[in-house]
Amino acid sequence: MAAVTEDEVEQVRALVAAIPRGQVTTYGDLAGAVGLSSPRIVGWIMRTDSADLPWHRVVPASGRPAAHLAGRQLERLAAEGVPVRDGRVNLRECRWAPS
């Protein structure tokens, strides 16, 4: 994995914290906003440093959460009003674009 600076980690964390309730963004959207080379780097940051963040608002570009998180993540998102159908978030209706 490419080296990630503390500043990049903090930028990702700040963006995740800013995702409004009822909206989601993708790992790729966050990577692009921070200038990271891969959405996987955002995934690594989220796995290691997101317990205090609304992690459930970050989804893969497919809108389908990872199997080990799907139940909990989709339940939280549905409770916030995020449109979920057949185990997938409808990104067209609720995608938040980080700036």
PDB file of N, CA and C in Angstrom:
ATOM      1  N   MET A   1       0.852  -1.189   0.000  1.00  0.00           N
ATOM      2  CA  MET A   1       0.000   0.000   0.000  1.00  0.00           C
ATOM      3  C   MET A   1       0.889   1.240   0.000  1.00  0.00           C
ATOM      4  N   ALA A   2       0.457   2.258  -0.708  1.00  0.00           N
ATOM      5  CA  ALA A   2       1.197   3.510  -0.749  1.00  0.00           C
ATOM      6  C   ALA A   2       1.228   4.133   0.647  1.00  0.00           C
ATOM      7  N   ALA A   3       2.283   4.851   0.929  1.00  0.00           N
ATOM      8  CA  ALA A   3       2.387   5.513   2.229  1.00  0.00           C
ATOM      9  C   ALA A   3       1.289   6.572   2.339  1.00  0.00           C
ATOM     10  N   VAL A   4       0.676   6.607   3.488  1.00  0.00           N
ATOM     11  CA  VAL A   4      -0.398   7.563   3.745  1.00  0.00           C
ATOM     12  C   VAL A   4       0.081   8.502   4.836  1.00  0.00           C
ATOM     13  N   THR A   5      -0.043   9.803   4.594  1.00  0.00           N
ATOM     14  CA  THR A   5       0.401  10.757   5.596  1.00  0.00           C
ATOM     15  C   THR A   5      -0.691  10.960   6.650  1.00  0.00           C
ATOM     16  N   GLU A   6      -0.283  11.440   7.792  1.00  0.00           N
ATOM     17  CA  GLU A   6      -1.236  11.749   8.862  1.00  0.00           C
ATOM     18  C   GLU A   6      -2.236  12.801   8.381  1.00  0.00           C
ATOM     19  N   ASP A   7      -1.773  13.741   7.557  1.00  0.00           N
ATOM     20  CA  ASP A   7      -2.657  14.771   7.009  1.00  0.00           C
ATOM     21  C   ASP A   7      -3.742  14.149   6.127  1.00  0.00           C
ATOM     22  N   GLU A   8      -3.364  13.175   5.314  1.00  0.00           N
ATOM     23  CA  GLU A   8      -4.349  12.502   4.450  1.00  0.00           C
ATOM     24  C   GLU A   8      -5.374  11.737   5.290  1.00  0.00           C
ATOM     25  N   VAL A   9      -4.893  11.080   6.326  1.00  0.00           N
ATOM     26  CA  VAL A   9      -5.811  10.369   7.226  1.00  0.00           C
ATOM     27  C   VAL A   9      -6.798  11.362   7.833  1.00  0.00           C
ATOM     28  N   GLU A  10      -6.310  12.488   8.290  1.00  0.00           N
ATOM     29  CA  GLU A  10      -7.182  13.487   8.912  1.00  0.00           C
ATOM     30  C   GLU A  10      -8.155  14.101   7.902  1.00  0.00           C
ATOM     31  N   GLN A  11      -7.709  14.269   6.647  1.00  0.00           N
ATOM     32  CA  GLN A  11      -8.612  14.783   5.615  1.00  0.00           C
ATOM     33  C   GLN A  11      -9.759  13.805   5.365  1.00  0.00           C
ATOM     34  N   VAL A  12      -9.430  12.518   5.271  1.00  0.00           N
ATOM     35  CA  VAL A  12     -10.474  11.497   5.074  1.00  0.00           C
ATOM     36  C   VAL A  12     -11.426  11.522   6.268  1.00  0.00           C
ATOM     37  N   ARG A  13     -10.882  11.541   7.472  1.00  0.00           N
ATOM     38  CA  ARG A  13     -11.717  11.558   8.680  1.00  0.00           C
ATOM     39  C   ARG A  13     -12.646  12.773   8.688  1.00  0.00           C
ATOM     40  N   ALA A  14     -12.132  13.934   8.327  1.00  0.00           N
ATOM     41  CA  ALA A  14     -12.946  15.159   8.322  1.00  0.00           C
ATOM     42  C   ALA A  14     -14.074  15.055   7.306  1.00  0.00           C
ATOM     43  N   LEU A  15     -13.784  14.490   6.137  1.00  0.00           N
ATOM     44  CA  LEU A  15     -14.824  14.342   5.121  1.00  0.00           C
ATOM     45  C   LEU A  15     -15.898  13.355   5.572  1.00  0.00           C
ATOM     46  N   VAL A  16     -15.485  12.233   6.156  1.00  0.00           N
ATOM     47  CA  VAL A  16     -16.460  11.250   6.634  1.00  0.00           C
ATOM     48  C   VAL A  16     -17.345  11.887   7.703  1.00  0.00           C
ATOM     49  N   ALA A  17     -16.744  12.656   8.596  1.00  0.00           N
ATOM     50  CA  ALA A  17     -17.510  13.328   9.654  1.00  0.00           C
ATOM     51  C   ALA A  17     -18.518  14.319   9.072  1.00  0.00           C
ATOM     52  N   ALA A  18     -18.227  14.845   7.874  1.00  0.00           N
ATOM     53  CA  ALA A  18     -19.082  15.868   7.258  1.00  0.00           C
ATOM     54  C   ALA A  18     -20.229  15.290   6.431  1.00  0.00           C
ATOM     55  N   ILE A  19     -20.246  13.980   6.201  1.00  0.00           N
ATOM     56  CA  ILE A  19     -21.319  13.388   5.382  1.00  0.00           C
ATOM     57  C   ILE A  19     -22.641  13.589   6.119  1.00  0.00           C
ATOM     58  N   PRO A  20     -23.596  14.269   5.490  1.00  0.00           N
ATOM     59  CA  PRO A  20     -24.870  14.536   6.170  1.00  0.00           C
ATOM     60  C   PRO A  20     -25.673  13.262   6.428  1.00  0.00           C
ATOM     61  N   ARG A  21     -26.426  13.297   7.489  1.00  0.00           N
ATOM     62  CA  ARG A  21     -27.349  12.208   7.813  1.00  0.00           C
ATOM     63  C   ARG A  21     -28.277  11.997   6.609  1.00  0.00           C
ATOM     64  N   GLY A  22     -28.518  10.748   6.258  1.00  0.00           N
ATOM     65  CA  GLY A  22     -29.396  10.438   5.134  1.00  0.00           C
ATOM     66  C   GLY A  22     -28.715  10.450   3.783  1.00  0.00           C
ATOM     67  N   GLN A  23     -27.392  10.647   3.778  1.00  0.00           N
ATOM     68  CA  GLN A  23     -26.643  10.632   2.526  1.00  0.00           C
ATOM     69  C   GLN A  23     -25.441   9.705   2.680  1.00  0.00           C
ATOM     70  N   VAL A  24     -24.875   9.305   1.551  1.00  0.00           N
ATOM     71  CA  VAL A  24     -23.689   8.446   1.544  1.00  0.00           C
ATOM     72  C   VAL A  24     -22.695   8.975   0.521  1.00  0.00           C
ATOM     73  N   THR A  25     -21.467   8.508   0.639  1.00  0.00           N
ATOM     74  CA  THR A  25     -20.456   8.755  -0.375  1.00  0.00           C
ATOM     75  C   THR A  25     -19.692   7.454  -0.577  1.00  0.00           C
ATOM     76  N   THR A  26     -18.852   7.412  -1.584  1.00  0.00           N
ATOM     77  CA  THR A  26     -18.123   6.178  -1.872  1.00  0.00           C
ATOM     78  C   THR A  26     -16.655   6.321  -1.471  1.00  0.00           C
ATOM     79  N   TYR A  27     -16.014   5.168  -1.347  1.00  0.00           N
ATOM     80  CA  TYR A  27     -14.579   5.163  -1.057  1.00  0.00           C
ATOM     81  C   TYR A  27     -13.834   5.923  -2.144  1.00  0.00           C
ATOM     82  N   GLY A  28     -14.258   5.741  -3.395  1.00  0.00           N
ATOM     83  CA  GLY A  28     -13.612   6.431  -4.511  1.00  0.00           C
ATOM     84  C   GLY A  28     -13.820   7.934  -4.477  1.00  0.00           C
ATOM     85  N   ASP A  29     -15.036   8.372  -4.077  1.00  0.00           N
ATOM     86  CA  ASP A  29     -15.289   9.808  -3.958  1.00  0.00           C
ATOM     87  C   ASP A  29     -14.336  10.429  -2.941  1.00  0.00           C
ATOM     88  N   LEU A  30     -14.164   9.748  -1.814  1.00  0.00           N
ATOM     89  CA  LEU A  30     -13.277  10.259  -0.769  1.00  0.00           C
ATOM     90  C   LEU A  30     -11.826  10.253  -1.231  1.00  0.00           C
ATOM     91  N   ALA A  31     -11.403   9.175  -1.882  1.00  0.00           N
ATOM     92  CA  ALA A  31     -10.026   9.104  -2.383  1.00  0.00           C
ATOM     93  C   ALA A  31      -9.751  10.248  -3.355  1.00  0.00           C
ATOM     94  N   GLY A  32     -10.700  10.482  -4.268  1.00  0.00           N
ATOM     95  CA  GLY A  32     -10.530  11.566  -5.228  1.00  0.00           C
ATOM     96  C   GLY A  32     -10.455  12.931  -4.571  1.00  0.00           C
ATOM     97  N   ALA A  33     -11.283  13.155  -3.566  1.00  0.00           N
ATOM     98  CA  ALA A  33     -11.315  14.456  -2.887  1.00  0.00           C
ATOM     99  C   ALA A  33     -10.019  14.733  -2.135  1.00  0.00           C
ATOM    100  N   VAL A  34      -9.385  13.678  -1.628  1.00  0.00           N
ATOM    101  CA  VAL A  34      -8.160  13.849  -0.853  1.00  0.00           C
ATOM    102  C   VAL A  34      -6.913  13.727  -1.735  1.00  0.00           C
ATOM    103  N   GLY A  35      -7.079  13.183  -2.949  1.00  0.00           N
ATOM    104  CA  GLY A  35      -5.949  13.011  -3.845  1.00  0.00           C
ATOM    105  C   GLY A  35      -5.186  11.717  -3.608  1.00  0.00           C
ATOM    106  N   LEU A  36      -5.891  10.719  -3.070  1.00  0.00           N
ATOM    107  CA  LEU A  36      -5.268   9.417  -2.848  1.00  0.00           C
ATOM    108  C   LEU A  36      -5.326   8.606  -4.139  1.00  0.00           C
ATOM    109  N   SER A  37      -4.385   7.701  -4.316  1.00  0.00           N
ATOM    110  CA  SER A  37      -4.280   6.957  -5.571  1.00  0.00           C
ATOM    111  C   SER A  37      -5.306   5.840  -5.710  1.00  0.00           C
ATOM    112  N   SER A  38      -5.938   5.429  -4.594  1.00  0.00           N
ATOM    113  CA  SER A  38      -6.847   4.290  -4.672  1.00  0.00           C
ATOM    114  C   SER A  38      -7.923   4.350  -3.592  1.00  0.00           C
ATOM    115  N   PRO A  39      -9.150   3.936  -3.938  1.00  0.00           N
ATOM    116  CA  PRO A  39     -10.202   3.830  -2.915  1.00  0.00           C
ATOM    117  C   PRO A  39      -9.824   2.849  -1.811  1.00  0.00           C
ATOM    118  N   ARG A  40      -8.953   1.895  -2.122  1.00  0.00           N
ATOM    119  CA  ARG A  40      -8.535   0.922  -1.112  1.00  0.00           C
ATOM    120  C   ARG A  40      -7.821   1.590   0.059  1.00  0.00           C
ATOM    121  N   ILE A  41      -7.136   2.699  -0.213  1.00  0.00           N
ATOM    122  CA  ILE A  41      -6.462   3.425   0.870  1.00  0.00           C
ATOM    123  C   ILE A  41      -7.513   3.976   1.836  1.00  0.00           C
ATOM    124  N   VAL A  42      -8.608   4.484   1.300  1.00  0.00           N
ATOM    125  CA  VAL A  42      -9.695   4.968   2.153  1.00  0.00           C
ATOM    126  C   VAL A  42     -10.255   3.797   2.958  1.00  0.00           C
ATOM    127  N   GLY A  43     -10.407   2.648   2.326  1.00  0.00           N
ATOM    128  CA  GLY A  43     -10.874   1.463   3.037  1.00  0.00           C
ATOM    129  C   GLY A  43      -9.961   1.104   4.191  1.00  0.00           C
ATOM    130  N   TRP A  44      -8.667   1.177   3.965  1.00  0.00           N
ATOM    131  CA  TRP A  44      -7.695   0.887   5.017  1.00  0.00           C
ATOM    132  C   TRP A  44      -7.837   1.884   6.156  1.00  0.00           C
ATOM    133  N   ILE A  45      -7.960   3.171   5.829  1.00  0.00           N
ATOM    134  CA  ILE A  45      -8.138   4.195   6.866  1.00  0.00           C
ATOM    135  C   ILE A  45      -9.415   3.919   7.654  1.00  0.00           C
ATOM    136  N   MET A  46     -10.488   3.590   6.943  1.00  0.00           N
ATOM    137  CA  MET A  46     -11.772   3.340   7.608  1.00  0.00           C
ATOM    138  C   MET A  46     -11.688   2.121   8.526  1.00  0.00           C
ATOM    139  N   ARG A  47     -10.964   1.098   8.115  1.00  0.00           N
ATOM    140  CA  ARG A  47     -10.838  -0.099   8.952  1.00  0.00           C
ATOM    141  C   ARG A  47     -10.039   0.171  10.208  1.00  0.00           C
ATOM    142  N   THR A  48      -9.072   1.077  10.124  1.00  0.00           N
ATOM    143  CA  THR A  48      -8.165   1.278  11.253  1.00  0.00           C
ATOM    144  C   THR A  48      -8.490   2.486  12.113  1.00  0.00           C
ATOM    145  N   ASP A  49      -9.329   3.412  11.613  1.00  0.00           N
ATOM    146  CA  ASP A  49      -9.476   4.676  12.338  1.00  0.00           C
ATOM    147  C   ASP A  49     -10.832   5.336  12.099  1.00  0.00           C
ATOM    148  N   SER A  50     -11.941   4.612  12.338  1.00  0.00           N
ATOM    149  CA  SER A  50     -13.236   5.235  12.072  1.00  0.00           C
ATOM    150  C   SER A  50     -14.298   4.942  13.127  1.00  0.00           C
ATOM    151  N   ALA A  51     -13.902   4.389  14.263  1.00  0.00           N
ATOM    152  CA  ALA A  51     -14.883   3.993  15.274  1.00  0.00           C
ATOM    153  C   ALA A  51     -15.756   5.170  15.719  1.00  0.00           C
ATOM    154  N   ASP A  52     -15.188   6.367  15.724  1.00  0.00           N
ATOM    155  CA  ASP A  52     -15.921   7.540  16.202  1.00  0.00           C
ATOM    156  C   ASP A  52     -16.592   8.320  15.065  1.00  0.00           C
ATOM    157  N   LEU A  53     -16.622   7.750  13.871  1.00  0.00           N
ATOM    158  CA  LEU A  53     -17.170   8.436  12.698  1.00  0.00           C
ATOM    159  C   LEU A  53     -18.425   7.723  12.197  1.00  0.00           C
ATOM    160  N   PRO A  54     -19.230   8.403  11.362  1.00  0.00           N
ATOM    161  CA  PRO A  54     -20.387   7.741  10.742  1.00  0.00           C
ATOM    162  C   PRO A  54     -19.933   6.857   9.577  1.00  0.00           C
ATOM    163  N   TRP A  55     -19.173   5.822   9.899  1.00  0.00           N
ATOM    164  CA  TRP A  55     -18.571   4.915   8.920  1.00  0.00           C
ATOM    165  C   TRP A  55     -19.605   4.310   7.990  1.00  0.00           C
ATOM    166  N   HIS A  56     -20.815   4.143   8.492  1.00  0.00           N
ATOM    167  CA  HIS A  56     -21.863   3.479   7.706  1.00  0.00           C
ATOM    168  C   HIS A  56     -22.289   4.298   6.491  1.00  0.00           C
ATOM    169  N   ARG A  57     -21.896   5.564   6.430  1.00  0.00           N
ATOM    170  CA  ARG A  57     -22.253   6.430   5.298  1.00  0.00           C
ATOM    171  C   ARG A  57     -21.256   6.346   4.152  1.00  0.00           C
ATOM    172  N   VAL A  58     -20.274   5.466   4.248  1.00  0.00           N
ATOM    173  CA  VAL A  58     -19.292   5.255   3.181  1.00  0.00           C
ATOM    174  C   VAL A  58     -19.529   3.861   2.608  1.00  0.00           C
ATOM    175  N   VAL A  59     -19.801   3.823   1.301  1.00  0.00           N
ATOM    176  CA  VAL A  59     -20.131   2.550   0.647  1.00  0.00           C
ATOM    177  C   VAL A  59     -19.286   2.366  -0.615  1.00  0.00           C
ATOM    178  N   PRO A  60     -19.164   1.139  -1.081  1.00  0.00           N
ATOM    179  CA  PRO A  60     -18.498   0.907  -2.362  1.00  0.00           C
ATOM    180  C   PRO A  60     -19.298   1.550  -3.508  1.00  0.00           C
ATOM    181  N   ALA A  61     -18.658   1.770  -4.628  1.00  0.00           N
ATOM    182  CA  ALA A  61     -19.317   2.395  -5.778  1.00  0.00           C
ATOM    183  C   ALA A  61     -20.513   1.589  -6.275  1.00  0.00           C
ATOM    184  N   SER A  62     -20.539   0.305  -5.969  1.00  0.00           N
ATOM    185  CA  SER A  62     -21.670  -0.537  -6.357  1.00  0.00           C
ATOM    186  C   SER A  62     -22.909  -0.260  -5.511  1.00  0.00           C
ATOM    187  N   GLY A  63     -22.700   0.398  -4.366  1.00  0.00           N
ATOM    188  CA  GLY A  63     -23.801   0.636  -3.434  1.00  0.00           C
ATOM    189  C   GLY A  63     -24.087  -0.553  -2.539  1.00  0.00           C
ATOM    190  N   ARG A  64     -23.373  -1.644  -2.748  1.00  0.00           N
ATOM    191  CA  ARG A  64     -23.598  -2.874  -1.982  1.00  0.00           C
ATOM    192  C   ARG A  64     -22.484  -3.020  -0.938  1.00  0.00           C
ATOM    193  N   PRO A  65     -22.812  -2.896   0.350  1.00  0.00           N
ATOM    194  CA  PRO A  65     -21.791  -3.001   1.397  1.00  0.00           C
ATOM    195  C   PRO A  65     -21.127  -4.375   1.431  1.00  0.00           C
ATOM    196  N   ALA A  66     -19.958  -4.422   2.033  1.00  0.00           N
ATOM    197  CA  ALA A  66     -19.254  -5.693   2.227  1.00  0.00           C
ATOM    198  C   ALA A  66     -20.147  -6.630   3.029  1.00  0.00           C
ATOM    199  N   ALA A  67     -20.100  -7.904   2.685  1.00  0.00           N
ATOM    200  CA  ALA A  67     -20.991  -8.896   3.290  1.00  0.00           C
ATOM    201  C   ALA A  67     -20.939  -8.901   4.816  1.00  0.00           C
ATOM    202  N   HIS A  68     -19.753  -8.752   5.382  1.00  0.00           N
ATOM    203  CA  HIS A  68     -19.632  -8.815   6.841  1.00  0.00           C
ATOM    204  C   HIS A  68     -20.212  -7.587   7.544  1.00  0.00           C
ATOM    205  N   LEU A  69     -20.461  -6.512   6.799  1.00  0.00           N
ATOM    206  CA  LEU A  69     -21.029  -5.291   7.370  1.00  0.00           C
ATOM    207  C   LEU A  69     -22.458  -5.026   6.913  1.00  0.00           C
ATOM    208  N   ALA A  70     -22.896  -5.711   5.879  1.00  0.00           N
ATOM    209  CA  ALA A  70     -24.131  -5.347   5.180  1.00  0.00           C
ATOM    210  C   ALA A  70     -25.338  -5.188   6.101  1.00  0.00           C
ATOM    211  N   GLY A  71     -25.606  -6.157   6.951  1.00  0.00           N
ATOM    212  CA  GLY A  71     -26.791  -6.073   7.803  1.00  0.00           C
ATOM    213  C   GLY A  71     -26.790  -4.839   8.674  1.00  0.00           C
ATOM    214  N   ARG A  72     -25.712  -4.650   9.397  1.00  0.00           N
ATOM    215  CA  ARG A  72     -25.610  -3.507  10.319  1.00  0.00           C
ATOM    216  C   ARG A  72     -25.589  -2.178   9.555  1.00  0.00           C
ATOM    217  N   GLN A  73     -24.832  -2.118   8.470  1.00  0.00           N
ATOM    218  CA  GLN A  73     -24.697  -0.876   7.715  1.00  0.00           C
ATOM    219  C   GLN A  73     -26.018  -0.482   7.062  1.00  0.00           C
ATOM    220  N   LEU A  74     -26.667  -1.411   6.391  1.00  0.00           N
ATOM    221  CA  LEU A  74     -27.924  -1.097   5.711  1.00  0.00           C
ATOM    222  C   LEU A  74     -29.029  -0.739   6.704  1.00  0.00           C
ATOM    223  N   GLU A  75     -29.019  -1.375   7.858  1.00  0.00           N
ATOM    224  CA  GLU A  75     -30.004  -1.043   8.894  1.00  0.00           C
ATOM    225  C   GLU A  75     -29.823   0.401   9.371  1.00  0.00           C
ATOM    226  N   ARG A  76     -28.589   0.784   9.630  1.00  0.00           N
ATOM    227  CA  ARG A  76     -28.314   2.168  10.056  1.00  0.00           C
ATOM    228  C   ARG A  76     -28.696   3.179   8.969  1.00  0.00           C
ATOM    229  N   LEU A  77     -28.338   2.860   7.728  1.00  0.00           N
ATOM    230  CA  LEU A  77     -28.645   3.783   6.632  1.00  0.00           C
ATOM    231  C   LEU A  77     -30.152   3.908   6.433  1.00  0.00           C
ATOM    232  N   ALA A  78     -30.875   2.803   6.458  1.00  0.00           N
ATOM    233  CA  ALA A  78     -32.332   2.845   6.295  1.00  0.00           C
ATOM    234  C   ALA A  78     -32.971   3.670   7.399  1.00  0.00           C
ATOM    235  N   ALA A  79     -32.435   3.566   8.613  1.00  0.00           N
ATOM    236  CA  ALA A  79     -32.968   4.341   9.740  1.00  0.00           C
ATOM    237  C   ALA A  79     -32.778   5.842   9.521  1.00  0.00           C
ATOM    238  N   GLU A  80     -31.799   6.216   8.710  1.00  0.00           N
ATOM    239  CA  GLU A  80     -31.545   7.627   8.393  1.00  0.00           C
ATOM    240  C   GLU A  80     -32.317   8.076   7.149  1.00  0.00           C
ATOM    241  N   GLY A  81     -33.044   7.165   6.533  1.00  0.00           N
ATOM    242  CA  GLY A  81     -33.818   7.525   5.352  1.00  0.00           C
ATOM    243  C   GLY A  81     -33.116   7.299   4.034  1.00  0.00           C
ATOM    244  N   VAL A  82     -31.976   6.633   4.065  1.00  0.00           N
ATOM    245  CA  VAL A  82     -31.255   6.330   2.825  1.00  0.00           C
ATOM    246  C   VAL A  82     -32.028   5.248   2.074  1.00  0.00           C
ATOM    247  N   PRO A  83     -32.275   5.458   0.769  1.00  0.00           N
ATOM    248  CA  PRO A  83     -33.011   4.453  -0.007  1.00  0.00           C
ATOM    249  C   PRO A  83     -32.180   3.187  -0.222  1.00  0.00           C
ATOM    250  N   VAL A  84     -32.675   2.078   0.320  1.00  0.00           N
ATOM    251  CA  VAL A  84     -32.008   0.786   0.218  1.00  0.00           C
ATOM    252  C   VAL A  84     -32.981  -0.185  -0.437  1.00  0.00           C
ATOM    253  N   ARG A  85     -32.538  -0.821  -1.514  1.00  0.00           N
ATOM    254  CA  ARG A  85     -33.358  -1.818  -2.206  1.00  0.00           C
ATOM    255  C   ARG A  85     -32.510  -3.035  -2.527  1.00  0.00           C
ATOM    256  N   ASP A  86     -33.014  -4.198  -2.182  1.00  0.00           N
ATOM    257  CA  ASP A  86     -32.327  -5.458  -2.488  1.00  0.00           C
ATOM    258  C   ASP A  86     -30.879  -5.461  -2.001  1.00  0.00           C
ATOM    259  N   GLY A  87     -30.654  -4.944  -0.805  1.00  0.00           N
ATOM    260  CA  GLY A  87     -29.319  -4.967  -0.227  1.00  0.00           C
ATOM    261  C   GLY A  87     -28.347  -3.985  -0.821  1.00  0.00           C
ATOM    262  N   ARG A  88     -28.880  -2.976  -1.509  1.00  0.00           N
ATOM    263  CA  ARG A  88     -28.020  -1.997  -2.177  1.00  0.00           C
ATOM    264  C   ARG A  88     -28.542  -0.588  -1.933  1.00  0.00           C
ATOM    265  N   VAL A  89     -27.627   0.353  -1.731  1.00  0.00           N
ATOM    266  CA  VAL A  89     -27.969   1.765  -1.581  1.00  0.00           C
ATOM    267  C   VAL A  89     -28.171   2.355  -2.978  1.00  0.00           C
ATOM    268  N   ASN A  90     -29.257   3.117  -3.148  1.00  0.00           N
ATOM    269  CA  ASN A  90     -29.494   3.787  -4.423  1.00  0.00           C
ATOM    270  C   ASN A  90     -28.703   5.097  -4.422  1.00  0.00           C
ATOM    271  N   LEU A  91     -27.504   5.045  -4.971  1.00  0.00           N
ATOM    272  CA  LEU A  91     -26.602   6.195  -4.945  1.00  0.00           C
ATOM    273  C   LEU A  91     -27.164   7.410  -5.678  1.00  0.00           C
ATOM    274  N   ARG A  92     -27.945   7.173  -6.724  1.00  0.00           N
ATOM    275  CA  ARG A  92     -28.492   8.312  -7.481  1.00  0.00           C
ATOM    276  C   ARG A  92     -29.347   9.216  -6.594  1.00  0.00           C
ATOM    277  N   GLU A  93     -29.970   8.637  -5.590  1.00  0.00           N
ATOM    278  CA  GLU A  93     -30.893   9.404  -4.739  1.00  0.00           C
ATOM    279  C   GLU A  93     -30.248  10.031  -3.513  1.00  0.00           C
ATOM    280  N   CYS A  94     -29.054   9.578  -3.131  1.00  0.00           N
ATOM    281  CA  CYS A  94     -28.532  10.046  -1.841  1.00  0.00           C
ATOM    282  C   CYS A  94     -27.030  10.256  -1.807  1.00  0.00           C
ATOM    283  N   ARG A  95     -26.382  10.318  -2.976  1.00  0.00           N
ATOM    284  CA  ARG A  95     -24.916  10.441  -2.994  1.00  0.00           C
ATOM    285  C   ARG A  95     -24.484  11.863  -2.651  1.00  0.00           C
ATOM    286  N   TRP A  96     -23.585  11.950  -1.711  1.00  0.00           N
ATOM    287  CA  TRP A  96     -23.012  13.230  -1.269  1.00  0.00           C
ATOM    288  C   TRP A  96     -21.632  13.371  -1.903  1.00  0.00           C
ATOM    289  N   ALA A  97     -21.362  14.513  -2.486  1.00  0.00           N
ATOM    290  CA  ALA A  97     -20.075  14.736  -3.134  1.00  0.00           C
ATOM    291  C   ALA A  97     -19.167  15.560  -2.223  1.00  0.00           C
ATOM    292  N   PRO A  98     -18.072  14.971  -1.754  1.00  0.00           N
ATOM    293  CA  PRO A  98     -17.141  15.744  -0.926  1.00  0.00           C
ATOM    294  C   PRO A  98     -16.463  16.827  -1.753  1.00  0.00           C
ATOM    295  N   SER A  99     -16.145  17.917  -1.101  1.00  0.00           N
ATOM    296  CA  SER A  99     -15.502  19.012  -1.832  1.00  0.00           C
ATOM    297  C   SER A  99     -14.023  19.105  -1.481  1.00  0.00           C
TER     298      SER A  99
END
